[in-house]
Each structure stands twice: as C-alpha cells, then as structure tokens.
Amino acid sequence: MRTIFNTPLITPAFRLLFKLALRLAGWRVVGELPDIPKFVIAGAPHTSNWDFVMFLAIAFILKGDLRYMGKKELFRWPYGAFFRWCGGVAVDRAKPQGLVEQTVDAVQDADTFQLIITPEGTRKKVDEWKLGFYHIAKEAGVPISTGFVDSSTKTCGIGPTYTLTDDVDADIANIQGFFKDKVGINPELTSKL
C-alpha cells in the first residue's frame, strides 16, 4: 500500500526536511527500527502535540512505514484517502468487535505492519498506561518496540524491542523501565510510572 512513507519524490523530500529541521532545533534521532516485518511501537512520553511531528521525523529518518489507528469517521470522503495515505487504519468504535480485535485483524492481513500507539492515551499526566497496545501485540503475536521523545537530552528515536511473555506485569514493567528517564516536551506532564 502506498503511504506518505513510501511515495517516490515525496518521501525523500520529507526525510531531508525533517533531518534539517531537527538539526536546526538541536535534536537528533537515535536507534533503528527492528528488522522484522510486523511490530507495535509504544510511543512515550506523550505530552505535546509536537510528539506527532517528532514521531513523523523518526519514521522518515529511520525509513519506517508507520501506521496509526483512527476512528472510521476520519476516513470518509473527502479526507479518507489522505488519512490512509498518512498511514491511518480505520477502526469502528461502535462495532461489537473491539478496537483490539479490529487492529489485530489489520496486522494479520498485512505483509508488513508497523503500528505506533501512545500507551498514555492522552497528552496529560497519567498514573497508568492503557494496555491496548500490549493486547494488540500479544494477540497478533508481534513484539513491542519503544519509540521515545526525550527533551532532557534532545533525542528521539527507537529503543529496545521486547518479545512478550505470559507475564503481563513483568512485560509492562520492562517496557516502562525503558521510559523511566525520558522527559516529554512538556516536562511537567511527563507521567511517572
């Protein structure tokens, strides 16, 4: 499927634009995307609308082909084609089959699938993560990678990738452990989990 991340001429132009913009702002991208066809990225901390721009920069610079979930209403004419081109996957929140199941189906139906989800579910400070990202990865049989923004070091990128076990609490503790020292763009909204 053609997306903004794999469109001739447009993709290299955006890659160059994001590299230049980050360099001018004093930020750098670190890490690499996993060399596997399917995975979920837990993106955190999520404290600003700028996080979306930072994750776009990561995707372009590291040559990702990321997907995100969006309510099906976003994918209607006249904007639907644009949101799909930007990596959107439409989900119907009113269907009896839940968001997790719909997303798992989308992952399993694709040859490659890199899905980014912000576990905090909001830009506000939270006490605990929503675990939809974990359940999607577990049910789809794919690992979870870590995508981050850290304003304290002006770095953003991809951290370790985790293969899930049958111990949800241990898996979540390991994944959250990676984010412990990461500070969001709005530091006062960074969740301390």
N, C-alpha and C. Protein backbone atom coordinates (compact mmCIF):
# COMPACT_ATOMS: atom_id res chain seq x y z
N MET A 1 0.83 -1.18 0.00
CA MET A 1 0.00 0.00 0.00
C MET A 1 0.88 1.25 0.00
N ARG A 2 0.59 2.17 -0.86
CA ARG A 2 1.35 3.42 -0.96
C ARG A 2 0.96 4.34 0.19
N THR A 3 1.96 4.81 0.94
CA THR A 3 1.73 5.77 2.02
C THR A 3 2.72 6.92 1.87
N ILE A 4 2.55 7.90 2.71
CA ILE A 4 3.45 9.06 2.71
C ILE A 4 4.90 8.62 2.96
N PHE A 5 5.07 7.46 3.62
CA PHE A 5 6.41 6.98 3.96
C PHE A 5 7.09 6.21 2.84
N ASN A 6 6.37 5.93 1.75
CA ASN A 6 6.99 5.18 0.65
C ASN A 6 6.56 5.71 -0.73
N THR A 7 6.30 6.99 -0.82
CA THR A 7 5.91 7.62 -2.07
C THR A 7 7.13 8.26 -2.73
N PRO A 8 7.46 7.85 -3.96
CA PRO A 8 8.62 8.44 -4.64
C PRO A 8 8.54 9.96 -4.66
N LEU A 9 9.68 10.57 -4.55
CA LEU A 9 9.89 12.02 -4.52
C LEU A 9 9.41 12.66 -3.23
N ILE A 10 8.21 12.35 -2.79
CA ILE A 10 7.68 12.96 -1.57
C ILE A 10 8.43 12.46 -0.34
N THR A 11 8.62 11.15 -0.23
CA THR A 11 9.28 10.59 0.94
C THR A 11 10.70 11.12 1.11
N PRO A 12 11.56 11.09 0.07
CA PRO A 12 12.91 11.64 0.26
C PRO A 12 12.90 13.14 0.61
N ALA A 13 11.94 13.88 0.04
CA ALA A 13 11.86 15.30 0.35
C ALA A 13 11.52 15.52 1.82
N PHE A 14 10.54 14.76 2.34
CA PHE A 14 10.19 14.87 3.76
C PHE A 14 11.36 14.41 4.64
N ARG A 15 12.06 13.36 4.24
CA ARG A 15 13.20 12.88 5.03
C ARG A 15 14.24 13.98 5.18
N LEU A 16 14.56 14.63 4.07
CA LEU A 16 15.53 15.73 4.09
C LEU A 16 15.02 16.90 4.93
N LEU A 17 13.75 17.25 4.76
CA LEU A 17 13.15 18.34 5.52
C LEU A 17 13.22 18.07 7.02
N PHE A 18 12.85 16.85 7.45
CA PHE A 18 12.87 16.53 8.88
C PHE A 18 14.30 16.49 9.42
N LYS A 19 15.24 15.96 8.66
CA LYS A 19 16.64 15.94 9.11
C LYS A 19 17.14 17.37 9.35
N LEU A 20 16.86 18.24 8.41
CA LEU A 20 17.28 19.63 8.51
C LEU A 20 16.60 20.33 9.69
N ALA A 21 15.29 20.15 9.83
CA ALA A 21 14.54 20.81 10.91
C ALA A 21 15.03 20.35 12.28
N LEU A 22 15.25 19.06 12.45
CA LEU A 22 15.73 18.57 13.74
C LEU A 22 17.14 19.09 14.03
N ARG A 23 17.99 19.08 13.02
CA ARG A 23 19.36 19.57 13.23
C ARG A 23 19.33 21.04 13.65
N LEU A 24 18.52 21.84 12.99
CA LEU A 24 18.43 23.26 13.33
C LEU A 24 17.87 23.47 14.74
N ALA A 25 17.00 22.59 15.17
CA ALA A 25 16.41 22.69 16.51
C ALA A 25 17.30 22.05 17.58
N GLY A 26 18.41 21.43 17.16
CA GLY A 26 19.33 20.82 18.13
C GLY A 26 18.95 19.41 18.57
N TRP A 27 18.01 18.78 17.86
CA TRP A 27 17.58 17.42 18.19
C TRP A 27 18.29 16.41 17.31
N ARG A 28 18.37 15.17 17.78
CA ARG A 28 18.91 14.09 16.95
C ARG A 28 18.07 12.84 17.13
N VAL A 29 18.05 12.03 16.09
CA VAL A 29 17.33 10.76 16.09
C VAL A 29 18.34 9.65 16.33
N VAL A 30 18.00 8.75 17.26
CA VAL A 30 18.89 7.63 17.59
C VAL A 30 18.14 6.31 17.46
N GLY A 31 18.90 5.23 17.33
CA GLY A 31 18.32 3.89 17.26
C GLY A 31 17.95 3.50 15.85
N GLU A 32 17.38 2.30 15.75
CA GLU A 32 16.94 1.76 14.46
C GLU A 32 15.63 1.03 14.65
N LEU A 33 14.83 1.03 13.61
CA LEU A 33 13.61 0.23 13.64
C LEU A 33 13.98 -1.25 13.58
N PRO A 34 13.23 -2.11 14.23
CA PRO A 34 13.53 -3.54 14.16
C PRO A 34 13.48 -4.04 12.72
N ASP A 35 14.36 -4.96 12.40
CA ASP A 35 14.41 -5.52 11.05
C ASP A 35 13.50 -6.74 10.97
N ILE A 36 12.24 -6.51 11.26
CA ILE A 36 11.22 -7.56 11.21
C ILE A 36 9.98 -6.97 10.54
N PRO A 37 9.13 -7.79 9.94
CA PRO A 37 8.02 -7.23 9.16
C PRO A 37 6.88 -6.60 9.97
N LYS A 38 6.64 -7.10 11.18
CA LYS A 38 5.50 -6.60 11.94
C LYS A 38 5.88 -6.37 13.40
N PHE A 39 5.46 -5.21 13.92
CA PHE A 39 5.67 -4.92 15.33
C PHE A 39 4.81 -3.74 15.73
N VAL A 40 4.64 -3.58 17.04
CA VAL A 40 3.93 -2.44 17.62
C VAL A 40 4.97 -1.56 18.29
N ILE A 41 4.84 -0.25 18.12
CA ILE A 41 5.72 0.69 18.80
C ILE A 41 4.93 1.39 19.90
N ALA A 42 5.41 1.28 21.13
CA ALA A 42 4.84 2.03 22.25
C ALA A 42 5.57 3.37 22.26
N GLY A 43 4.85 4.47 21.97
CA GLY A 43 5.46 5.79 21.90
C GLY A 43 5.18 6.60 23.15
N ALA A 44 6.26 7.03 23.84
CA ALA A 44 6.10 7.78 25.08
C ALA A 44 7.37 8.59 25.33
N PRO A 45 7.36 9.54 26.24
CA PRO A 45 6.17 10.12 26.85
C PRO A 45 5.42 11.00 25.85
N HIS A 46 4.13 11.05 26.03
CA HIS A 46 3.25 11.80 25.12
C HIS A 46 2.71 13.00 25.90
N THR A 47 3.36 14.16 25.70
CA THR A 47 2.99 15.34 26.49
C THR A 47 2.64 16.55 25.65
N SER A 48 2.71 16.42 24.33
CA SER A 48 2.53 17.58 23.46
C SER A 48 2.03 17.17 22.09
N ASN A 49 1.37 18.10 21.40
CA ASN A 49 1.01 17.86 20.00
C ASN A 49 2.26 17.72 19.13
N TRP A 50 3.39 18.26 19.57
CA TRP A 50 4.64 18.14 18.83
C TRP A 50 5.15 16.71 18.80
N ASP A 51 4.68 15.86 19.71
CA ASP A 51 5.11 14.45 19.70
C ASP A 51 4.80 13.81 18.35
N PHE A 52 3.64 14.15 17.78
CA PHE A 52 3.26 13.59 16.48
C PHE A 52 4.29 13.98 15.42
N VAL A 53 4.71 15.22 15.43
CA VAL A 53 5.71 15.69 14.48
C VAL A 53 7.04 14.96 14.70
N MET A 54 7.39 14.77 15.97
CA MET A 54 8.64 14.06 16.28
C MET A 54 8.59 12.61 15.80
N PHE A 55 7.45 11.95 15.98
CA PHE A 55 7.34 10.57 15.52
C PHE A 55 7.31 10.49 13.99
N LEU A 56 6.77 11.51 13.33
CA LEU A 56 6.88 11.57 11.87
C LEU A 56 8.35 11.69 11.48
N ALA A 57 9.08 12.53 12.18
CA ALA A 57 10.51 12.69 11.88
C ALA A 57 11.25 11.37 12.06
N ILE A 58 10.96 10.67 13.13
CA ILE A 58 11.59 9.38 13.37
C ILE A 58 11.28 8.43 12.23
N ALA A 59 10.01 8.36 11.83
CA ALA A 59 9.59 7.45 10.76
C ALA A 59 10.30 7.77 9.46
N PHE A 60 10.37 9.04 9.09
CA PHE A 60 11.03 9.40 7.83
C PHE A 60 12.53 9.15 7.90
N ILE A 61 13.17 9.59 8.96
CA ILE A 61 14.62 9.49 9.06
C ILE A 61 15.07 8.03 9.16
N LEU A 62 14.33 7.21 9.89
CA LEU A 62 14.71 5.79 10.04
C LEU A 62 14.07 4.90 8.97
N LYS A 63 13.41 5.53 8.01
CA LYS A 63 12.80 4.83 6.87
C LYS A 63 11.75 3.81 7.30
N GLY A 64 10.89 4.25 8.20
CA GLY A 64 9.77 3.41 8.63
C GLY A 64 8.58 3.59 7.70
N ASP A 65 7.59 2.75 7.90
CA ASP A 65 6.32 2.83 7.16
C ASP A 65 5.21 2.64 8.20
N LEU A 66 5.08 3.63 9.08
CA LEU A 66 4.25 3.51 10.27
C LEU A 66 2.76 3.62 9.98
N ARG A 67 1.99 2.98 10.85
CA ARG A 67 0.53 3.04 10.84
C ARG A 67 0.07 3.54 12.21
N TYR A 68 -1.10 4.13 12.20
CA TYR A 68 -1.74 4.55 13.45
C TYR A 68 -3.23 4.24 13.32
N MET A 69 -3.90 4.12 14.45
CA MET A 69 -5.33 3.86 14.46
C MET A 69 -6.09 5.18 14.52
N GLY A 70 -7.20 5.22 13.79
CA GLY A 70 -8.05 6.41 13.82
C GLY A 70 -9.50 6.01 13.71
N LYS A 71 -10.38 6.80 14.29
CA LYS A 71 -11.80 6.46 14.21
C LYS A 71 -12.25 6.51 12.75
N LYS A 72 -13.14 5.63 12.40
CA LYS A 72 -13.54 5.45 10.99
C LYS A 72 -14.09 6.72 10.37
N GLU A 73 -14.65 7.60 11.19
CA GLU A 73 -15.22 8.84 10.67
C GLU A 73 -14.15 9.71 9.97
N LEU A 74 -12.89 9.59 10.40
CA LEU A 74 -11.81 10.34 9.77
C LEU A 74 -11.54 9.89 8.34
N PHE A 75 -11.98 8.68 8.01
CA PHE A 75 -11.61 8.08 6.74
C PHE A 75 -12.72 8.19 5.68
N ARG A 76 -13.68 9.06 5.92
CA ARG A 76 -14.74 9.30 4.94
C ARG A 76 -14.28 10.34 3.92
N TRP A 77 -15.00 10.37 2.80
CA TRP A 77 -14.72 11.37 1.78
C TRP A 77 -14.98 12.75 2.35
N PRO A 78 -14.22 13.75 2.13
CA PRO A 78 -13.15 13.85 1.14
C PRO A 78 -11.76 13.62 1.71
N TYR A 79 -11.64 13.38 3.02
CA TYR A 79 -10.32 13.29 3.65
C TYR A 79 -9.80 11.87 3.83
N GLY A 80 -10.65 10.88 3.62
CA GLY A 80 -10.29 9.49 3.89
C GLY A 80 -9.03 9.02 3.20
N ALA A 81 -8.91 9.31 1.92
CA ALA A 81 -7.73 8.88 1.16
C ALA A 81 -6.46 9.51 1.74
N PHE A 82 -6.56 10.77 2.16
CA PHE A 82 -5.40 11.45 2.75
C PHE A 82 -4.97 10.75 4.04
N PHE A 83 -5.93 10.44 4.94
CA PHE A 83 -5.58 9.81 6.20
C PHE A 83 -5.01 8.40 6.00
N ARG A 84 -5.53 7.66 5.02
CA ARG A 84 -4.96 6.35 4.71
C ARG A 84 -3.55 6.50 4.15
N TRP A 85 -3.35 7.49 3.30
CA TRP A 85 -2.03 7.75 2.74
C TRP A 85 -1.03 8.11 3.84
N CYS A 86 -1.50 8.74 4.90
CA CYS A 86 -0.64 9.08 6.04
C CYS A 86 -0.44 7.92 7.01
N GLY A 87 -0.91 6.72 6.65
CA GLY A 87 -0.68 5.54 7.47
C GLY A 87 -1.84 5.17 8.38
N GLY A 88 -2.97 5.83 8.23
CA GLY A 88 -4.11 5.58 9.11
C GLY A 88 -4.80 4.26 8.84
N VAL A 89 -5.24 3.63 9.92
CA VAL A 89 -6.04 2.41 9.88
C VAL A 89 -7.37 2.73 10.54
N ALA A 90 -8.45 2.64 9.79
CA ALA A 90 -9.77 2.98 10.32
C ALA A 90 -10.28 1.90 11.26
N VAL A 91 -10.76 2.31 12.42
CA VAL A 91 -11.39 1.39 13.36
C VAL A 91 -12.77 1.94 13.73
N ASP A 92 -13.71 1.02 13.88
CA ASP A 92 -15.09 1.38 14.20
C ASP A 92 -15.32 1.15 15.68
N ARG A 93 -15.39 2.22 16.45
CA ARG A 93 -15.55 2.09 17.91
C ARG A 93 -16.92 1.58 18.30
N ALA A 94 -17.88 1.61 17.38
CA ALA A 94 -19.24 1.15 17.68
C ALA A 94 -19.43 -0.35 17.42
N LYS A 95 -18.49 -0.98 16.72
CA LYS A 95 -18.62 -2.41 16.40
C LYS A 95 -18.50 -3.26 17.66
N PRO A 96 -19.24 -4.36 17.71
CA PRO A 96 -19.10 -5.26 18.86
C PRO A 96 -17.69 -5.84 18.94
N GLN A 97 -17.09 -6.05 17.77
CA GLN A 97 -15.70 -6.50 17.77
C GLN A 97 -14.88 -5.28 18.15
N GLY A 98 -14.12 -5.35 19.22
CA GLY A 98 -13.44 -4.19 19.77
C GLY A 98 -12.26 -3.69 18.96
N LEU A 99 -11.70 -2.58 19.42
CA LEU A 99 -10.57 -1.96 18.75
C LEU A 99 -9.38 -2.91 18.66
N VAL A 100 -9.14 -3.64 19.74
CA VAL A 100 -8.01 -4.58 19.74
C VAL A 100 -8.19 -5.61 18.63
N GLU A 101 -9.37 -6.21 18.56
CA GLU A 101 -9.61 -7.25 17.56
C GLU A 101 -9.53 -6.70 16.14
N GLN A 102 -10.09 -5.51 15.91
CA GLN A 102 -10.02 -4.90 14.57
C GLN A 102 -8.57 -4.64 14.17
N THR A 103 -7.79 -4.16 15.12
CA THR A 103 -6.39 -3.84 14.81
C THR A 103 -5.58 -5.12 14.61
N VAL A 104 -5.83 -6.13 15.42
CA VAL A 104 -5.16 -7.42 15.24
C VAL A 104 -5.45 -7.96 13.85
N ASP A 105 -6.71 -7.86 13.41
CA ASP A 105 -7.06 -8.30 12.05
C ASP A 105 -6.25 -7.55 11.00
N ALA A 106 -6.11 -6.23 11.18
CA ALA A 106 -5.35 -5.43 10.22
C ALA A 106 -3.88 -5.85 10.20
N VAL A 107 -3.32 -6.12 11.38
CA VAL A 107 -1.92 -6.57 11.46
C VAL A 107 -1.77 -7.90 10.74
N GLN A 108 -2.67 -8.84 11.02
CA GLN A 108 -2.56 -10.17 10.44
C GLN A 108 -2.81 -10.19 8.94
N ASP A 109 -3.62 -9.26 8.43
CA ASP A 109 -3.93 -9.22 7.00
C ASP A 109 -2.81 -8.61 6.16
N ALA A 110 -1.85 -7.94 6.79
CA ALA A 110 -0.79 -7.24 6.06
C ALA A 110 0.49 -8.06 6.03
N ASP A 111 1.29 -7.83 4.99
CA ASP A 111 2.61 -8.47 4.91
C ASP A 111 3.60 -7.79 5.85
N THR A 112 3.50 -6.47 5.93
CA THR A 112 4.32 -5.70 6.87
C THR A 112 3.40 -4.73 7.60
N PHE A 113 3.70 -4.47 8.87
CA PHE A 113 2.83 -3.60 9.66
C PHE A 113 3.61 -3.06 10.84
N GLN A 114 3.82 -1.74 10.86
CA GLN A 114 4.50 -1.05 11.95
C GLN A 114 3.49 -0.10 12.57
N LEU A 115 2.93 -0.47 13.70
CA LEU A 115 1.85 0.30 14.32
C LEU A 115 2.38 1.07 15.51
N ILE A 116 2.13 2.39 15.53
CA ILE A 116 2.55 3.20 16.68
C ILE A 116 1.33 3.57 17.52
N ILE A 117 1.46 3.40 18.82
CA ILE A 117 0.39 3.70 19.77
C ILE A 117 1.02 4.41 20.97
N THR A 118 0.34 5.44 21.47
CA THR A 118 0.80 6.10 22.69
C THR A 118 0.06 5.47 23.87
N PRO A 119 0.74 4.69 24.69
CA PRO A 119 0.08 3.98 25.79
C PRO A 119 -0.57 4.89 26.83
N GLU A 120 -0.10 6.13 26.92
CA GLU A 120 -0.70 7.04 27.89
C GLU A 120 -2.10 7.45 27.44
N GLY A 121 -2.36 7.42 26.14
CA GLY A 121 -3.69 7.69 25.62
C GLY A 121 -4.12 9.14 25.67
N THR A 122 -3.26 10.01 26.15
CA THR A 122 -3.57 11.43 26.30
C THR A 122 -2.25 12.18 26.44
N ARG A 123 -2.32 13.50 26.28
CA ARG A 123 -1.12 14.31 26.49
C ARG A 123 -1.00 14.75 27.95
N LYS A 124 -1.95 14.37 28.77
CA LYS A 124 -1.92 14.74 30.19
C LYS A 124 -1.12 13.71 30.99
N LYS A 125 -0.72 14.10 32.17
CA LYS A 125 -0.02 13.19 33.07
C LYS A 125 -0.99 12.09 33.52
N VAL A 126 -0.55 10.83 33.48
CA VAL A 126 -1.41 9.72 33.89
C VAL A 126 -0.70 8.87 34.93
N ASP A 127 -1.50 8.10 35.68
CA ASP A 127 -0.95 7.21 36.69
C ASP A 127 -0.68 5.81 36.15
N GLU A 128 -1.37 5.46 35.06
CA GLU A 128 -1.13 4.15 34.47
C GLU A 128 -1.43 4.19 32.97
N TRP A 129 -0.74 3.32 32.26
CA TRP A 129 -0.93 3.23 30.82
C TRP A 129 -2.18 2.44 30.47
N LYS A 130 -2.76 2.75 29.32
CA LYS A 130 -3.80 1.90 28.75
C LYS A 130 -3.07 0.74 28.06
N LEU A 131 -3.57 -0.45 28.19
CA LEU A 131 -2.84 -1.63 27.72
C LEU A 131 -3.28 -2.17 26.37
N GLY A 132 -4.05 -1.38 25.62
CA GLY A 132 -4.46 -1.82 24.29
C GLY A 132 -3.28 -2.18 23.40
N PHE A 133 -2.20 -1.38 23.45
CA PHE A 133 -1.02 -1.65 22.64
C PHE A 133 -0.45 -3.03 22.95
N TYR A 134 -0.46 -3.38 24.24
CA TYR A 134 0.07 -4.67 24.67
C TYR A 134 -0.82 -5.81 24.16
N HIS A 135 -2.12 -5.66 24.32
CA HIS A 135 -3.04 -6.72 23.90
C HIS A 135 -3.02 -6.91 22.38
N ILE A 136 -2.88 -5.82 21.64
CA ILE A 136 -2.77 -5.93 20.18
C ILE A 136 -1.53 -6.75 19.82
N ALA A 137 -0.40 -6.38 20.40
CA ALA A 137 0.85 -7.09 20.09
C ALA A 137 0.76 -8.55 20.50
N LYS A 138 0.23 -8.81 21.69
CA LYS A 138 0.15 -10.18 22.20
C LYS A 138 -0.75 -11.04 21.31
N GLU A 139 -1.94 -10.52 20.98
CA GLU A 139 -2.88 -11.31 20.18
C GLU A 139 -2.42 -11.46 18.74
N ALA A 140 -1.67 -10.49 18.23
CA ALA A 140 -1.16 -10.58 16.86
C ALA A 140 0.13 -11.38 16.79
N GLY A 141 0.71 -11.67 17.97
CA GLY A 141 1.95 -12.44 18.00
C GLY A 141 3.16 -11.65 17.50
N VAL A 142 3.18 -10.34 17.80
CA VAL A 142 4.29 -9.49 17.36
C VAL A 142 4.96 -8.84 18.56
N PRO A 143 6.23 -8.46 18.44
CA PRO A 143 6.91 -7.80 19.57
C PRO A 143 6.53 -6.33 19.70
N ILE A 144 6.96 -5.74 20.81
CA ILE A 144 6.75 -4.32 21.06
C ILE A 144 8.10 -3.63 21.07
N SER A 145 8.21 -2.59 20.25
CA SER A 145 9.39 -1.75 20.24
C SER A 145 9.06 -0.47 20.99
N THR A 146 10.08 0.30 21.32
CA THR A 146 9.87 1.52 22.09
C THR A 146 10.28 2.72 21.26
N GLY A 147 9.36 3.67 21.13
CA GLY A 147 9.64 4.93 20.46
C GLY A 147 9.57 6.03 21.49
N PHE A 148 10.53 6.94 21.46
CA PHE A 148 10.57 7.92 22.54
C PHE A 148 10.94 9.31 22.06
N VAL A 149 10.57 10.27 22.88
CA VAL A 149 10.99 11.66 22.78
C VAL A 149 11.57 11.99 24.15
N ASP A 150 12.77 12.56 24.19
CA ASP A 150 13.39 12.91 25.46
C ASP A 150 13.94 14.33 25.38
N SER A 151 13.18 15.28 25.93
CA SER A 151 13.59 16.68 25.84
C SER A 151 14.81 16.98 26.70
N SER A 152 15.10 16.14 27.70
CA SER A 152 16.26 16.40 28.56
C SER A 152 17.57 16.20 27.81
N THR A 153 17.58 15.34 26.80
CA THR A 153 18.79 15.10 26.00
C THR A 153 18.62 15.55 24.55
N LYS A 154 17.42 16.07 24.23
CA LYS A 154 17.08 16.46 22.85
C LYS A 154 17.32 15.31 21.88
N THR A 155 16.88 14.13 22.30
CA THR A 155 16.95 12.96 21.42
C THR A 155 15.55 12.38 21.27
N CYS A 156 15.35 11.73 20.15
CA CYS A 156 14.13 10.97 19.92
C CYS A 156 14.54 9.78 19.08
N GLY A 157 13.73 8.74 19.11
CA GLY A 157 14.10 7.59 18.30
C GLY A 157 13.46 6.31 18.76
N ILE A 158 14.18 5.23 18.49
CA ILE A 158 13.70 3.89 18.80
C ILE A 158 14.64 3.24 19.79
N GLY A 159 14.05 2.68 20.84
CA GLY A 159 14.82 1.97 21.86
C GLY A 159 14.70 0.46 21.65
N PRO A 160 14.80 -0.29 22.74
CA PRO A 160 14.78 -1.75 22.62
C PRO A 160 13.42 -2.29 22.16
N THR A 161 13.47 -3.51 21.66
CA THR A 161 12.27 -4.25 21.24
C THR A 161 12.11 -5.42 22.19
N TYR A 162 10.87 -5.66 22.62
CA TYR A 162 10.58 -6.70 23.61
C TYR A 162 9.70 -7.79 23.02
N THR A 163 10.13 -9.02 23.21
CA THR A 163 9.29 -10.17 22.88
C THR A 163 8.44 -10.43 24.11
N LEU A 164 7.13 -10.55 23.94
CA LEU A 164 6.23 -10.68 25.08
C LEU A 164 6.23 -12.09 25.63
N THR A 165 5.99 -12.17 26.94
CA THR A 165 5.91 -13.45 27.65
C THR A 165 4.46 -13.65 28.08
N ASP A 166 4.23 -14.58 28.96
CA ASP A 166 2.89 -14.79 29.50
C ASP A 166 2.68 -14.02 30.80
N ASP A 167 3.65 -13.19 31.18
CA ASP A 167 3.58 -12.41 32.41
C ASP A 167 3.38 -10.93 32.05
N VAL A 168 2.12 -10.51 31.99
CA VAL A 168 1.78 -9.14 31.58
C VAL A 168 2.49 -8.12 32.47
N ASP A 169 2.42 -8.30 33.78
CA ASP A 169 3.00 -7.32 34.71
C ASP A 169 4.51 -7.17 34.48
N ALA A 170 5.21 -8.28 34.31
CA ALA A 170 6.66 -8.21 34.08
C ALA A 170 6.95 -7.56 32.73
N ASP A 171 6.18 -7.90 31.71
CA ASP A 171 6.39 -7.29 30.40
C ASP A 171 6.21 -5.78 30.46
N ILE A 172 5.11 -5.33 31.08
CA ILE A 172 4.84 -3.89 31.18
C ILE A 172 5.92 -3.20 32.01
N ALA A 173 6.35 -3.82 33.11
CA ALA A 173 7.41 -3.23 33.94
C ALA A 173 8.70 -3.08 33.13
N ASN A 174 9.04 -4.06 32.31
CA ASN A 174 10.25 -3.97 31.47
C ASN A 174 10.13 -2.83 30.47
N ILE A 175 8.99 -2.77 29.80
CA ILE A 175 8.79 -1.73 28.79
C ILE A 175 8.80 -0.35 29.43
N GLN A 176 8.06 -0.18 30.53
CA GLN A 176 8.03 1.12 31.21
C GLN A 176 9.40 1.48 31.77
N GLY A 177 10.17 0.47 32.14
CA GLY A 177 11.51 0.72 32.67
C GLY A 177 12.38 1.51 31.69
N PHE A 178 12.22 1.22 30.41
CA PHE A 178 12.98 1.95 29.41
C PHE A 178 12.66 3.44 29.43
N PHE A 179 11.42 3.78 29.72
CA PHE A 179 10.97 5.18 29.66
C PHE A 179 11.20 5.95 30.96
N LYS A 180 11.68 5.32 32.01
CA LYS A 180 11.79 5.96 33.33
C LYS A 180 12.55 7.29 33.30
N ASP A 181 13.62 7.35 32.50
CA ASP A 181 14.41 8.58 32.50
C ASP A 181 14.09 9.51 31.33
N LYS A 182 13.06 9.21 30.57
CA LYS A 182 12.68 10.03 29.42
C LYS A 182 11.75 11.16 29.89
N VAL A 183 11.99 12.36 29.36
CA VAL A 183 11.22 13.54 29.74
C VAL A 183 10.51 14.07 28.50
N GLY A 184 9.22 14.28 28.61
CA GLY A 184 8.44 14.77 27.48
C GLY A 184 8.76 16.20 27.11
N ILE A 185 8.21 16.63 25.99
CA ILE A 185 8.42 18.00 25.51
C ILE A 185 7.89 19.00 26.54
N ASN A 186 6.77 18.67 27.18
CA ASN A 186 6.26 19.45 28.32
C ASN A 186 6.59 18.66 29.58
N PRO A 187 7.76 18.91 30.20
CA PRO A 187 8.24 18.09 31.31
C PRO A 187 7.24 17.91 32.45
N GLU A 188 6.46 18.95 32.73
CA GLU A 188 5.51 18.87 33.85
C GLU A 188 4.39 17.86 33.60
N LEU A 189 4.21 17.44 32.35
CA LEU A 189 3.16 16.46 32.01
C LEU A 189 3.69 15.04 31.87
N THR A 190 4.99 14.85 32.05
CA THR A 190 5.58 13.52 31.92
C THR A 190 5.08 12.65 33.05
N SER A 191 4.53 11.50 32.69
CA SER A 191 3.99 10.56 33.67
C SER A 191 5.12 9.82 34.37
N LYS A 192 5.02 9.69 35.65
CA LYS A 192 6.00 8.93 36.44
C LYS A 192 5.35 7.62 36.81
N LEU A 193 5.68 6.59 36.07
CA LEU A 193 5.05 5.29 36.29
C LEU A 193 5.93 4.37 37.10
